[in-house]
Each structure stands twice: as C-alpha cells, then as structure tokens.
Amino acid sequence: MKDIKLCGLGNGLLDLQYEVSDEDILRLGLNKGEMKLVSPQEQVTILNSINKTSFNKCSGGSAANTIIAFANFGGKAAYQTSLGDDEFGKFYAQEFHDLGIELHAEFLTTEPTGTCLVLITPDSERTMNTSLGASALFDTTLVNDALINRSEWVYVEGYKLTAELSSDAVFSAIEIAKRSGTKISFTFSDVFVVDYFRDKVEKVVQQSDLIFCNEYEAIAFTRTKKFDDAFSKLCDSCENVVMTLGEKGSLVKFNNDIFKIPAYPAKPVDSTGAGDMFAGGFLYGILYMNSAEQAGHLGSYSASLVVSQMGARLKGDYNDVKNKILTKYI
C-alpha cells in the first residue's frame, strides 16, 4: 500500500545562515556566489573566522528543503539520508519529527552531521560552503526499500551523484522504485553536477518520470546556447520537465501539455532554496491539486515569497499561499 506521496533521497545538512558584507567574503578568502565542497575541518575553520553571533539554523539540504515544503503544504512525505551521531544530527531529526515527515536516517559515529554554511551579502547573493560529513557515507546498505515501496514518487537530488557511495545508493533506489511502480523525479541541483558527473546525470534522466532544472543547468546538460532550445531537447529526453527561468518565470511540460508560468513579483533578500521551494510546491500541486498548471503557479508563487525573506522556508502560512493559488486558478 502506497501511503506516502513523496519520499526524498538527499543530503542531510544543517543550514547555518549568516548575513555578511562583501568585505567579509574577501576576508574569508572566498569567491562570492560560489558553492564549494569543503572538509569538516575546513568548515570549522571558516565558522571560527566569521566572528558573528547572530545566525539562522535549520535542517536542510536541497531535497530536504523540497520535502519540507511539500509537507508544510500538507503532503504526506518521507526522507532518507544519513546523519552524524551528534547534537546537529539530533536537532535535524527532531525538526523532521516536528514537521510530521517520516525520517529514515542512520546516525553514524565516524563522521559529523553535514553542514551548509550560507553567507548572504546585501545584494541577496549566496556564497556557500558545504561539508557533506555523514551524508557522503549514505550507501546502498542505508537505502530503505520499504519506504520507497510505500511511496508514489521519489525525489532525488543531483548532489547525491557527487560521491561514489551515495551515487551507488541513488541507482539502487531507482531500481527499487522501478520494481515497485514508484515514479521518479530528479533535480539537477547545480551546473557543476552536470559538468563533472554528466554520465551519471544522463543515466538518471533516462530513468526519470520528471526532471527539475534551471535554465543554466538545462543549457549545460543539452549543450545548447538558448533556454528554449534546451527546453525542447529536454522534452525529447524526459516525459515531464520543469525548467525555471528566474524573473522570466518557468516552462513546464507535463502529460504532453506545455505551460509558460509567469514569475511573481519579488524583492530579493536571499535566494537560498528558491528552486527547492518551487519543486516542493509543484510536486504538491500535481499530487494533490491534479493540475500541472496550478502546480506551476504554486511553485512560482511560493518561490517568489521565499526569495523575499531570509532562509529556505516560508515564514508565512503555507495554507494561505496554497489557497491563493486554488482561489485564482480553480
């Protein structure tokens, strides 16, 4: 019996968000706007150098942000990852419990819980240092077959393809999903994932029922120069496609219908989690609202709200957001 609508498979990272200046970025020796993988030791060194006492802490990771959004809209969700046996890991697990998300996570003693250090400058640009920690050790033995069997859809993040053990786990999960009639959704996650792990990305796309990407990831994957050409090629590769275009809105192909979804007005404060929020709203829309067009609007509207605030989760009422879209497009 499939009693879970959506099961995420991704990194278990505790997001540590700081507001900093451009001078802070230079002082720390970082490249503004870059997303970089670092060791746990490097992460501790940078954290000790920030010299700021005020920061926001919440459980995250790309796919986790999407699952959290989906659950906050009212969806029945689950998540699979690995955490360190430490205070950050306990905090992470407790948040998922409080959110009503069924979490399957091993607490590993050999590595700390992964962290994502998000440094946000006044122009809302993010500079991110990610230490995968225990997430990098998520392997095939930690995949929960029963949880996938119980789910209508799985949602896989491209970041899991950057480590050998976790990429093996992704393909194991896909095999389980195929056997159990569970549909597969996949997000490219980042251009560097496409550039450096292309063979794995292509293999996942070939087996996916739905893919999410932004225009830059789409162009990199299809080796085209324009987003409309990239979208066309993606539609030839996968049955269902969602491509976000920033302030230009998004393009959606679902069940052979194509929709151009507008962007909703926003005053950018922090772009953290915008694509993750879009995916969470869209997946809720297709699974509960039964309309790809409404799903696109829910994703777009909720993404516009999340970039207008600090952090990857909406600070307002998710039901109000959902009802606004339902009222307008019912």
C-alpha atoms as a PDB file:
ATOM      1  CA  MET A   1       0.000   0.000   0.000  1.00  0.00           C
ATOM      2  CA  LYS A   2       1.395   3.383  -1.051  1.00  0.00           C
ATOM      3  CA  ASP A   3       0.565   5.527   1.961  1.00  0.00           C
ATOM      4  CA  ILE A   4       3.348   8.058   1.306  1.00  0.00           C
ATOM      5  CA  LYS A   5       3.004  10.535  -1.551  1.00  0.00           C
ATOM      6  CA  LEU A   6       6.652  11.652  -1.818  1.00  0.00           C
ATOM      7  CA  CYS A   7       9.915  10.239  -0.487  1.00  0.00           C
ATOM      8  CA  GLY A   8      13.066  12.344  -0.782  1.00  0.00           C
ATOM      9  CA  LEU A   9      16.573  10.985  -1.154  1.00  0.00           C
ATOM     10  CA  GLY A  10      19.258  13.552  -0.442  1.00  0.00           C
ATOM     11  CA  ASN A  11      21.864  15.057   1.809  1.00  0.00           C
ATOM     12  CA  GLY A  12      21.151  15.680   5.462  1.00  0.00           C
ATOM     13  CA  LEU A  13      22.753  19.074   6.035  1.00  0.00           C
ATOM     14  CA  LEU A  14      22.217  21.559   8.804  1.00  0.00           C
ATOM     15  CA  ASP A  15      21.971  25.016   7.203  1.00  0.00           C
ATOM     16  CA  LEU A  16      23.886  27.735   9.039  1.00  0.00           C
ATOM     17  CA  GLN A  17      22.935  31.104   7.533  1.00  0.00           C
ATOM     18  CA  TYR A  18      24.816  34.319   8.223  1.00  0.00           C
ATOM     19  CA  GLU A  19      24.311  37.844   6.892  1.00  0.00           C
ATOM     20  CA  VAL A  20      27.725  39.184   5.914  1.00  0.00           C
ATOM     21  CA  SER A  21      29.312  42.022   3.948  1.00  0.00           C
ATOM     22  CA  ASP A  22      31.299  41.832   0.723  1.00  0.00           C
ATOM     23  CA  GLU A  23      34.349  42.660   2.854  1.00  0.00           C
ATOM     24  CA  ASP A  24      33.668  39.583   4.995  1.00  0.00           C
ATOM     25  CA  ILE A  25      33.696  37.385   1.888  1.00  0.00           C
ATOM     26  CA  LEU A  26      37.079  38.798   0.847  1.00  0.00           C
ATOM     27  CA  ARG A  27      38.481  38.468   4.368  1.00  0.00           C
ATOM     28  CA  LEU A  28      37.487  34.814   4.486  1.00  0.00           C
ATOM     29  CA  GLY A  29      39.193  34.179   1.144  1.00  0.00           C
ATOM     30  CA  LEU A  30      36.002  33.026  -0.563  1.00  0.00           C
ATOM     31  CA  ASN A  31      34.700  33.653  -4.066  1.00  0.00           C
ATOM     32  CA  LYS A  32      31.373  35.440  -3.913  1.00  0.00           C
ATOM     33  CA  GLY A  33      28.469  33.394  -5.298  1.00  0.00           C
ATOM     34  CA  GLU A  34      30.446  30.143  -5.296  1.00  0.00           C
ATOM     35  CA  MET A  35      29.183  26.810  -3.952  1.00  0.00           C
ATOM     36  CA  LYS A  36      32.168  24.838  -2.725  1.00  0.00           C
ATOM     37  CA  LEU A  37      32.595  21.441  -1.102  1.00  0.00           C
ATOM     38  CA  VAL A  38      34.903  21.518   1.918  1.00  0.00           C
ATOM     39  CA  SER A  39      36.066  19.090   4.586  1.00  0.00           C
ATOM     40  CA  PRO A  40      34.600  19.175   8.098  1.00  0.00           C
ATOM     41  CA  GLN A  41      37.905  20.632   9.335  1.00  0.00           C
ATOM     42  CA  GLU A  42      37.817  23.451   6.754  1.00  0.00           C
ATOM     43  CA  GLN A  43      34.210  24.193   7.702  1.00  0.00           C
ATOM     44  CA  VAL A  44      35.114  24.559  11.375  1.00  0.00           C
ATOM     45  CA  THR A  45      37.965  26.909  10.495  1.00  0.00           C
ATOM     46  CA  ILE A  46      35.680  29.188   8.481  1.00  0.00           C
ATOM     47  CA  LEU A  47      32.951  29.142  11.137  1.00  0.00           C
ATOM     48  CA  ASN A  48      35.503  30.198  13.755  1.00  0.00           C
ATOM     49  CA  SER A  49      36.600  33.081  11.493  1.00  0.00           C
ATOM     50  CA  ILE A  50      33.167  34.606  10.867  1.00  0.00           C
ATOM     51  CA  ASN A  51      33.004  36.455  14.198  1.00  0.00           C
ATOM     52  CA  LYS A  52      29.226  36.815  14.155  1.00  0.00           C
ATOM     53  CA  THR A  53      26.941  35.617  16.924  1.00  0.00           C
ATOM     54  CA  SER A  54      23.644  36.018  15.059  1.00  0.00           C
ATOM     55  CA  PHE A  55      22.726  33.289  12.562  1.00  0.00           C
ATOM     56  CA  ASN A  56      19.818  31.106  11.471  1.00  0.00           C
ATOM     57  CA  LYS A  57      19.948  27.331  11.935  1.00  0.00           C
ATOM     58  CA  CYS A  58      17.602  24.818  10.320  1.00  0.00           C
ATOM     59  CA  SER A  59      17.626  21.324   8.861  1.00  0.00           C
ATOM     60  CA  GLY A  60      18.171  21.321   5.133  1.00  0.00           C
ATOM     61  CA  GLY A  61      19.897  20.008   2.082  1.00  0.00           C
ATOM     62  CA  SER A  62      18.391  20.582  -1.356  1.00  0.00           C
ATOM     63  CA  ALA A  63      15.977  17.633  -1.474  1.00  0.00           C
ATOM     64  CA  ALA A  64      15.211  18.073   2.216  1.00  0.00           C
ATOM     65  CA  ASN A  65      14.080  21.661   1.568  1.00  0.00           C
ATOM     66  CA  THR A  66      11.720  20.374  -1.126  1.00  0.00           C
ATOM     67  CA  ILE A  67      10.325  17.629   1.109  1.00  0.00           C
ATOM     68  CA  ILE A  68       9.837  20.126   3.951  1.00  0.00           C
ATOM     69  CA  ALA A  69       7.938  22.498   1.650  1.00  0.00           C
ATOM     70  CA  PHE A  70       5.811  19.609   0.346  1.00  0.00           C
ATOM     71  CA  ALA A  71       4.980  18.543   3.914  1.00  0.00           C
ATOM     72  CA  ASN A  72       4.202  22.095   5.026  1.00  0.00           C
ATOM     73  CA  PHE A  73       1.698  22.415   2.194  1.00  0.00           C
ATOM     74  CA  GLY A  74       0.008  19.332   3.652  1.00  0.00           C
ATOM     75  CA  GLY A  75       1.641  16.490   1.735  1.00  0.00           C
ATOM     76  CA  LYS A  76       2.444  13.091   3.253  1.00  0.00           C
ATOM     77  CA  ALA A  77       6.222  12.829   2.983  1.00  0.00           C
ATOM     78  CA  ALA A  78       9.274  10.797   3.949  1.00  0.00           C
ATOM     79  CA  TYR A  79      13.016  11.354   3.686  1.00  0.00           C
ATOM     80  CA  GLN A  80      16.141   9.187   3.571  1.00  0.00           C
ATOM     81  CA  THR A  81      19.622  10.394   4.497  1.00  0.00           C
ATOM     82  CA  SER A  82      22.465   9.815   6.962  1.00  0.00           C
ATOM     83  CA  LEU A  83      23.463  11.994   9.914  1.00  0.00           C
ATOM     84  CA  GLY A  84      26.250  12.206  12.421  1.00  0.00           C
ATOM     85  CA  ASP A  85      25.692  10.933  15.947  1.00  0.00           C
ATOM     86  CA  ASP A  86      25.993  14.444  17.380  1.00  0.00           C
ATOM     87  CA  GLU A  87      23.949  17.445  18.508  1.00  0.00           C
ATOM     88  CA  PHE A  88      23.428  18.690  14.940  1.00  0.00           C
ATOM     89  CA  GLY A  89      22.111  15.255  13.936  1.00  0.00           C
ATOM     90  CA  LYS A  90      19.696  15.166  16.864  1.00  0.00           C
ATOM     91  CA  PHE A  91      18.482  18.681  16.051  1.00  0.00           C
ATOM     92  CA  TYR A  92      17.931  17.644  12.424  1.00  0.00           C
ATOM     93  CA  ALA A  93      15.950  14.521  13.302  1.00  0.00           C
ATOM     94  CA  GLN A  94      13.803  16.379  15.836  1.00  0.00           C
ATOM     95  CA  GLU A  95      12.848  19.003  13.245  1.00  0.00           C
ATOM     96  CA  PHE A  96      11.684  16.328  10.822  1.00  0.00           C
ATOM     97  CA  HIS A  97       9.682  14.666  13.585  1.00  0.00           C
ATOM     98  CA  ASP A  98       8.074  18.004  14.457  1.00  0.00           C
ATOM     99  CA  LEU A  99       7.237  18.568  10.772  1.00  0.00           C
ATOM    100  CA  GLY A 100       5.495  15.185  10.538  1.00  0.00           C
ATOM    101  CA  ILE A 101       7.957  13.802   7.977  1.00  0.00           C
ATOM    102  CA  GLU A 102       8.868  10.121   8.265  1.00  0.00           C
ATOM    103  CA  LEU A 103      12.669  10.193   8.509  1.00  0.00           C
ATOM    104  CA  HIS A 104      14.885   7.181   7.870  1.00  0.00           C
ATOM    105  CA  ALA A 105      18.401   8.226   8.870  1.00  0.00           C
ATOM    106  CA  GLU A 106      21.317   6.275  10.272  1.00  0.00           C
ATOM    107  CA  PHE A 107      23.313   8.115  12.944  1.00  0.00           C
ATOM    108  CA  LEU A 108      26.946   7.468  12.044  1.00  0.00           C
ATOM    109  CA  THR A 109      29.752   7.745  14.583  1.00  0.00           C
ATOM    110  CA  THR A 110      32.558   8.085  12.032  1.00  0.00           C
ATOM    111  CA  GLU A 111      31.601  11.498  10.565  1.00  0.00           C
ATOM    112  CA  PRO A 112      29.821  14.606  11.866  1.00  0.00           C
ATOM    113  CA  THR A 113      26.448  15.739  10.545  1.00  0.00           C
ATOM    114  CA  GLY A 114      26.899  17.603   7.278  1.00  0.00           C
ATOM    115  CA  THR A 115      26.620  21.377   7.282  1.00  0.00           C
ATOM    116  CA  CYS A 116      25.923  24.008   4.659  1.00  0.00           C
ATOM    117  CA  LEU A 117      27.363  27.401   5.522  1.00  0.00           C
ATOM    118  CA  VAL A 118      25.335  30.049   3.692  1.00  0.00           C
ATOM    119  CA  LEU A 119      26.840  33.547   3.631  1.00  0.00           C
ATOM    120  CA  ILE A 120      24.370  36.126   2.369  1.00  0.00           C
ATOM    121  CA  THR A 121      25.576  39.527   1.184  1.00  0.00           C
ATOM    122  CA  PRO A 122      23.355  42.658   0.969  1.00  0.00           C
ATOM    123  CA  ASP A 123      22.624  42.024  -2.732  1.00  0.00           C
ATOM    124  CA  SER A 124      20.991  38.674  -1.693  1.00  0.00           C
ATOM    125  CA  GLU A 125      23.799  36.660  -3.329  1.00  0.00           C
ATOM    126  CA  ARG A 126      24.701  33.403  -1.595  1.00  0.00           C
ATOM    127  CA  THR A 127      28.208  32.088  -1.053  1.00  0.00           C
ATOM    128  CA  MET A 128      28.010  28.505   0.180  1.00  0.00           C
ATOM    129  CA  ASN A 129      30.485  26.123   1.736  1.00  0.00           C
ATOM    130  CA  THR A 130      29.148  22.595   2.078  1.00  0.00           C
ATOM    131  CA  SER A 131      30.683  19.895   4.218  1.00  0.00           C
ATOM    132  CA  LEU A 132      28.873  16.648   3.427  1.00  0.00           C
ATOM    133  CA  GLY A 133      30.044  14.883   6.560  1.00  0.00           C
ATOM    134  CA  ALA A 134      27.932  11.803   7.256  1.00  0.00           C
ATOM    135  CA  SER A 135      25.843  12.413   4.108  1.00  0.00           C
ATOM    136  CA  ALA A 136      28.747  11.309   1.923  1.00  0.00           C
ATOM    137  CA  LEU A 137      28.593   7.874   3.569  1.00  0.00           C
ATOM    138  CA  PHE A 138      24.978   7.214   2.559  1.00  0.00           C
ATOM    139  CA  ASP A 139      25.413   3.951   0.648  1.00  0.00           C
ATOM    140  CA  THR A 140      23.291   1.128  -0.727  1.00  0.00           C
ATOM    141  CA  THR A 141      23.043  -0.562   2.685  1.00  0.00           C
ATOM    142  CA  LEU A 142      21.276   2.525   4.079  1.00  0.00           C
ATOM    143  CA  VAL A 143      18.560   2.700   1.400  1.00  0.00           C
ATOM    144  CA  ASN A 144      15.214   1.755   2.905  1.00  0.00           C
ATOM    145  CA  ASP A 145      13.407  -0.428   0.355  1.00  0.00           C
ATOM    146  CA  ALA A 146      10.123  -0.450   2.254  1.00  0.00           C
ATOM    147  CA  LEU A 147       9.919   3.334   2.366  1.00  0.00           C
ATOM    148  CA  ILE A 148      10.336   3.553  -1.415  1.00  0.00           C
ATOM    149  CA  ASN A 149       7.801   0.763  -1.947  1.00  0.00           C
ATOM    150  CA  ARG A 150       5.276   2.718   0.133  1.00  0.00           C
ATOM    151  CA  SER A 151       5.786   5.926  -1.864  1.00  0.00           C
ATOM    152  CA  GLU A 152       4.004   7.117  -5.005  1.00  0.00           C
ATOM    153  CA  TRP A 153       7.024   9.237  -6.004  1.00  0.00           C
ATOM    154  CA  VAL A 154      10.667   9.549  -5.031  1.00  0.00           C
ATOM    155  CA  TYR A 155      12.584  12.811  -5.369  1.00  0.00           C
ATOM    156  CA  VAL A 156      16.346  12.591  -5.878  1.00  0.00           C
ATOM    157  CA  GLU A 157      18.837  15.456  -5.749  1.00  0.00           C
ATOM    158  CA  GLY A 158      21.735  15.644  -8.182  1.00  0.00           C
ATOM    159  CA  TYR A 159      24.169  16.455  -5.377  1.00  0.00           C
ATOM    160  CA  LYS A 160      23.987  12.772  -4.348  1.00  0.00           C
ATOM    161  CA  LEU A 161      25.840  11.917  -7.567  1.00  0.00           C
ATOM    162  CA  THR A 162      28.985  13.742  -6.423  1.00  0.00           C
ATOM    163  CA  ALA A 163      30.142  10.988  -4.056  1.00  0.00           C
ATOM    164  CA  GLU A 164      30.695   7.395  -5.147  1.00  0.00           C
ATOM    165  CA  LEU A 165      28.891   5.727  -2.252  1.00  0.00           C
ATOM    166  CA  SER A 166      25.827   7.971  -2.438  1.00  0.00           C
ATOM    167  CA  SER A 167      25.595   7.754  -6.234  1.00  0.00           C
ATOM    168  CA  ASP A 168      25.503   3.954  -5.930  1.00  0.00           C
ATOM    169  CA  ALA A 169      22.682   4.431  -3.419  1.00  0.00           C
ATOM    170  CA  VAL A 170      20.787   6.611  -5.907  1.00  0.00           C
ATOM    171  CA  PHE A 171      20.871   3.929  -8.582  1.00  0.00           C
ATOM    172  CA  SER A 172      19.871   1.280  -6.048  1.00  0.00           C
ATOM    173  CA  ALA A 173      16.889   3.423  -5.028  1.00  0.00           C
ATOM    174  CA  ILE A 174      15.917   3.897  -8.673  1.00  0.00           C
ATOM    175  CA  GLU A 175      15.939   0.128  -9.232  1.00  0.00           C
ATOM    176  CA  ILE A 176      13.701  -0.354  -6.201  1.00  0.00           C
ATOM    177  CA  ALA A 177      11.352   2.388  -7.424  1.00  0.00           C
ATOM    178  CA  LYS A 178      11.109   0.812 -10.870  1.00  0.00           C
ATOM    179  CA  ARG A 179      10.247  -2.576  -9.400  1.00  0.00           C
ATOM    180  CA  SER A 180       7.584  -1.169  -7.100  1.00  0.00           C
ATOM    181  CA  GLY A 181       5.880   1.164  -9.575  1.00  0.00           C
ATOM    182  CA  THR A 182       7.116   4.278  -7.772  1.00  0.00           C
ATOM    183  CA  LYS A 183       7.632   7.264 -10.065  1.00  0.00           C
ATOM    184  CA  ILE A 184      10.985   9.041 -10.100  1.00  0.00           C
ATOM    185  CA  SER A 185      11.609  12.771 -10.019  1.00  0.00           C
ATOM    186  CA  PHE A 186      15.109  14.231 -10.230  1.00  0.00           C
ATOM    187  CA  THR A 187      16.648  17.667  -9.821  1.00  0.00           C
ATOM    188  CA  PHE A 188      19.951  18.552 -11.477  1.00  0.00           C
ATOM    189  CA  SER A 189      20.870  20.619  -8.376  1.00  0.00           C
ATOM    190  CA  ASP A 190      23.741  22.625  -9.882  1.00  0.00           C
ATOM    191  CA  VAL A 191      25.649  23.253 -13.119  1.00  0.00           C
ATOM    192  CA  PHE A 192      28.790  21.709 -11.638  1.00  0.00           C
ATOM    193  CA  VAL A 193      26.883  18.438 -11.097  1.00  0.00           C
ATOM    194  CA  VAL A 194      26.020  18.392 -14.802  1.00  0.00           C
ATOM    195  CA  ASP A 195      29.547  19.346 -15.885  1.00  0.00           C
ATOM    196  CA  TYR A 196      31.505  16.931 -13.709  1.00  0.00           C
ATOM    197  CA  PHE A 197      29.094  13.996 -13.363  1.00  0.00           C
ATOM    198  CA  ARG A 198      27.412  14.059 -16.764  1.00  0.00           C
ATOM    199  CA  ASP A 199      27.355  10.287 -17.329  1.00  0.00           C
ATOM    200  CA  LYS A 200      25.533   9.711 -14.046  1.00  0.00           C
ATOM    201  CA  VAL A 201      23.122  12.584 -14.655  1.00  0.00           C
ATOM    202  CA  GLU A 202      22.270  11.243 -18.107  1.00  0.00           C
ATOM    203  CA  LYS A 203      21.642   7.779 -16.671  1.00  0.00           C
ATOM    204  CA  VAL A 204      19.249   9.165 -14.040  1.00  0.00           C
ATOM    205  CA  VAL A 205      17.429  11.375 -16.566  1.00  0.00           C
ATOM    206  CA  GLN A 206      16.829   8.347 -18.798  1.00  0.00           C
ATOM    207  CA  GLN A 207      15.002   6.626 -15.937  1.00  0.00           C
ATOM    208  CA  SER A 208      13.120   9.637 -14.554  1.00  0.00           C
ATOM    209  CA  ASP A 209       9.440  10.467 -14.934  1.00  0.00           C
ATOM    210  CA  LEU A 210      10.002  14.148 -14.100  1.00  0.00           C
ATOM    211  CA  ILE A 211      13.081  16.381 -14.041  1.00  0.00           C
ATOM    212  CA  PHE A 212      13.657  19.791 -12.473  1.00  0.00           C
ATOM    213  CA  CYS A 213      16.357  22.227 -13.556  1.00  0.00           C
ATOM    214  CA  ASN A 214      17.083  25.907 -14.032  1.00  0.00           C
ATOM    215  CA  GLU A 215      17.972  27.377 -17.417  1.00  0.00           C
ATOM    216  CA  TYR A 216      21.741  27.264 -16.799  1.00  0.00           C
ATOM    217  CA  GLU A 217      21.685  23.600 -15.813  1.00  0.00           C
ATOM    218  CA  ALA A 218      19.474  22.833 -18.832  1.00  0.00           C
ATOM    219  CA  ILE A 219      21.821  24.610 -21.229  1.00  0.00           C
ATOM    220  CA  ALA A 220      24.823  22.804 -19.741  1.00  0.00           C
ATOM    221  CA  PHE A 221      23.099  19.414 -19.971  1.00  0.00           C
ATOM    222  CA  THR A 222      21.822  19.824 -23.536  1.00  0.00           C
ATOM    223  CA  ARG A 223      24.935  21.692 -24.765  1.00  0.00           C
ATOM    224  CA  THR A 224      22.787  24.376 -26.328  1.00  0.00           C
ATOM    225  CA  LYS A 225      23.045  28.176 -26.107  1.00  0.00           C
ATOM    226  CA  LYS A 226      19.436  29.255 -25.539  1.00  0.00           C
ATOM    227  CA  PHE A 227      16.972  28.169 -22.875  1.00  0.00           C
ATOM    228  CA  ASP A 228      14.154  27.485 -25.360  1.00  0.00           C
ATOM    229  CA  ASP A 229      16.373  25.105 -27.341  1.00  0.00           C
ATOM    230  CA  ALA A 230      17.439  23.462 -24.094  1.00  0.00           C
ATOM    231  CA  PHE A 231      13.822  23.005 -23.018  1.00  0.00           C
ATOM    232  CA  SER A 232      12.943  21.432 -26.359  1.00  0.00           C
ATOM    233  CA  LYS A 233      15.803  18.938 -26.096  1.00  0.00           C
ATOM    234  CA  LEU A 234      14.916  18.099 -22.507  1.00  0.00           C
ATOM    235  CA  CYS A 235      11.337  17.390 -23.548  1.00  0.00           C
ATOM    236  CA  ASP A 236      12.730  14.860 -26.026  1.00  0.00           C
ATOM    237  CA  SER A 237      14.720  13.208 -23.214  1.00  0.00           C
ATOM    238  CA  CYS A 238      12.108  13.028 -20.471  1.00  0.00           C
ATOM    239  CA  GLU A 239       8.327  12.715 -20.329  1.00  0.00           C
ATOM    240  CA  ASN A 240       7.857  15.597 -17.883  1.00  0.00           C
ATOM    241  CA  VAL A 241      10.085  18.656 -17.446  1.00  0.00           C
ATOM    242  CA  VAL A 242      10.102  21.724 -15.201  1.00  0.00           C
ATOM    243  CA  MET A 243      12.635  24.439 -16.099  1.00  0.00           C
ATOM    244  CA  THR A 244      12.832  27.602 -14.006  1.00  0.00           C
ATOM    245  CA  LEU A 245      13.946  30.859 -15.620  1.00  0.00           C
ATOM    246  CA  GLY A 246      14.315  33.262 -12.697  1.00  0.00           C
ATOM    247  CA  GLU A 247      12.481  36.526 -13.316  1.00  0.00           C
ATOM    248  CA  LYS A 248      11.338  35.148 -16.693  1.00  0.00           C
ATOM    249  CA  GLY A 249       9.136  32.563 -14.978  1.00  0.00           C
ATOM    250  CA  SER A 250       9.268  28.880 -15.844  1.00  0.00           C
ATOM    251  CA  LEU A 251       8.427  26.348 -18.529  1.00  0.00           C
ATOM    252  CA  VAL A 252       6.512  23.170 -17.706  1.00  0.00           C
ATOM    253  CA  LYS A 253       5.832  20.100 -19.785  1.00  0.00           C
ATOM    254  CA  PHE A 254       3.554  17.612 -18.044  1.00  0.00           C
ATOM    255  CA  ASN A 255       1.467  14.842 -19.603  1.00  0.00           C
ATOM    256  CA  ASN A 256       2.181  16.280 -23.071  1.00  0.00           C
ATOM    257  CA  ASP A 257       0.838  19.726 -22.138  1.00  0.00           C
ATOM    258  CA  ILE A 258       3.193  22.705 -22.095  1.00  0.00           C
ATOM    259  CA  PHE A 259       2.688  25.748 -19.856  1.00  0.00           C
ATOM    260  CA  LYS A 260       4.509  29.052 -19.557  1.00  0.00           C
ATOM    261  CA  ILE A 261       4.285  30.038 -15.891  1.00  0.00           C
ATOM    262  CA  PRO A 262       4.971  33.695 -15.023  1.00  0.00           C
ATOM    263  CA  ALA A 263       7.273  34.806 -12.231  1.00  0.00           C
ATOM    264  CA  TYR A 264       5.567  36.510  -9.323  1.00  0.00           C
ATOM    265  CA  PRO A 265       6.901  39.903  -8.156  1.00  0.00           C
ATOM    266  CA  ALA A 266       9.591  39.694  -5.501  1.00  0.00           C
ATOM    267  CA  LYS A 267      12.130  41.916  -3.801  1.00  0.00           C
ATOM    268  CA  PRO A 268      15.114  39.572  -3.460  1.00  0.00           C
ATOM    269  CA  VAL A 269      16.609  39.228   0.005  1.00  0.00           C
ATOM    270  CA  ASP A 270      18.004  35.675  -0.017  1.00  0.00           C
ATOM    271  CA  SER A 271      17.804  33.263  -2.950  1.00  0.00           C
ATOM    272  CA  THR A 272      18.525  30.229  -0.753  1.00  0.00           C
ATOM    273  CA  GLY A 273      16.157  27.372  -1.552  1.00  0.00           C
ATOM    274  CA  ALA A 274      14.144  29.113  -4.294  1.00  0.00           C
ATOM    275  CA  GLY A 275      14.399  26.168  -6.686  1.00  0.00           C
ATOM    276  CA  ASP A 276      13.785  23.715  -3.859  1.00  0.00           C
ATOM    277  CA  MET A 277      10.629  25.598  -2.868  1.00  0.00           C
ATOM    278  CA  PHE A 278       9.424  25.643  -6.479  1.00  0.00           C
ATOM    279  CA  ALA A 279       9.846  21.869  -6.678  1.00  0.00           C
ATOM    280  CA  GLY A 280       8.019  21.345  -3.372  1.00  0.00           C
ATOM    281  CA  GLY A 281       5.081  23.469  -4.490  1.00  0.00           C
ATOM    282  CA  PHE A 282       4.970  21.847  -7.917  1.00  0.00           C
ATOM    283  CA  LEU A 283       5.061  18.293  -6.573  1.00  0.00           C
ATOM    284  CA  TYR A 284       2.314  19.109  -4.089  1.00  0.00           C
ATOM    285  CA  GLY A 285       0.287  20.585  -6.943  1.00  0.00           C
ATOM    286  CA  ILE A 286       0.467  17.571  -9.215  1.00  0.00           C
ATOM    287  CA  LEU A 287      -0.154  15.097  -6.387  1.00  0.00           C
ATOM    288  CA  TYR A 288      -2.954  16.905  -4.558  1.00  0.00           C
ATOM    289  CA  MET A 289      -4.339  19.573  -6.882  1.00  0.00           C
ATOM    290  CA  ASN A 290      -4.281  17.363 -10.012  1.00  0.00           C
ATOM    291  CA  SER A 291      -3.336  20.270 -12.252  1.00  0.00           C
ATOM    292  CA  ALA A 292       0.139  20.855 -13.697  1.00  0.00           C
ATOM    293  CA  GLU A 293      -0.731  24.489 -14.438  1.00  0.00           C
ATOM    294  CA  GLN A 294      -1.865  25.135 -10.857  1.00  0.00           C
ATOM    295  CA  ALA A 295       1.208  23.253  -9.671  1.00  0.00           C
ATOM    296  CA  GLY A 296       3.411  25.581 -11.707  1.00  0.00           C
ATOM    297  CA  HIS A 297       1.739  28.645 -10.241  1.00  0.00           C
ATOM    298  CA  LEU A 298       2.049  27.291  -6.698  1.00  0.00           C
ATOM    299  CA  GLY A 299       5.744  26.609  -7.257  1.00  0.00           C
ATOM    300  CA  SER A 300       6.352  30.027  -8.801  1.00  0.00           C
ATOM    301  CA  TYR A 301       4.405  31.983  -6.194  1.00  0.00           C
ATOM    302  CA  SER A 302       5.939  30.188  -3.219  1.00  0.00           C
ATOM    303  CA  ALA A 303       9.449  30.611  -4.705  1.00  0.00           C
ATOM    304  CA  SER A 304       8.847  34.368  -5.055  1.00  0.00           C
ATOM    305  CA  LEU A 305       7.915  34.535  -1.380  1.00  0.00           C
ATOM    306  CA  VAL A 306      10.917  32.569  -0.174  1.00  0.00           C
ATOM    307  CA  VAL A 307      13.427  34.780  -2.027  1.00  0.00           C
ATOM    308  CA  SER A 308      11.831  37.820  -0.356  1.00  0.00           C
ATOM    309  CA  GLN A 309      12.925  36.649   3.115  1.00  0.00           C
ATOM    310  CA  MET A 310      15.855  35.059   4.895  1.00  0.00           C
ATOM    311  CA  GLY A 311      16.032  31.265   4.835  1.00  0.00           C
ATOM    312  CA  ALA A 312      14.723  28.434   2.672  1.00  0.00           C
ATOM    313  CA  ARG A 313      11.345  28.037   4.411  1.00  0.00           C
ATOM    314  CA  LEU A 314       8.322  30.261   4.111  1.00  0.00           C
ATOM    315  CA  LYS A 315       7.755  32.288   7.231  1.00  0.00           C
ATOM    316  CA  GLY A 316       4.083  32.832   6.366  1.00  0.00           C
ATOM    317  CA  ASP A 317       1.154  30.422   6.355  1.00  0.00           C
ATOM    318  CA  TYR A 318       1.523  27.683   3.740  1.00  0.00           C
ATOM    319  CA  ASN A 319      -2.236  27.210   3.595  1.00  0.00           C
ATOM    320  CA  ASP A 320      -2.714  30.890   2.727  1.00  0.00           C
ATOM    321  CA  VAL A 321      -0.236  30.512  -0.133  1.00  0.00           C
ATOM    322  CA  LYS A 322      -1.930  27.346  -1.372  1.00  0.00           C
ATOM    323  CA  ASN A 323      -5.425  28.799  -1.087  1.00  0.00           C
ATOM    324  CA  LYS A 324      -4.450  31.908  -3.029  1.00  0.00           C
ATOM    325  CA  ILE A 325      -3.464  29.750  -5.987  1.00  0.00           C
ATOM    326  CA  LEU A 326      -6.521  27.496  -5.621  1.00  0.00           C
ATOM    327  CA  THR A 327      -8.845  30.506  -5.495  1.00  0.00           C
ATOM    328  CA  LYS A 328      -7.264  32.181  -8.509  1.00  0.00           C
ATOM    329  CA  TYR A 329      -6.924  29.142 -10.753  1.00  0.00           C
ATOM    330  CA  ILE A 330      -9.700  26.766  -9.619  1.00  0.00           C
END
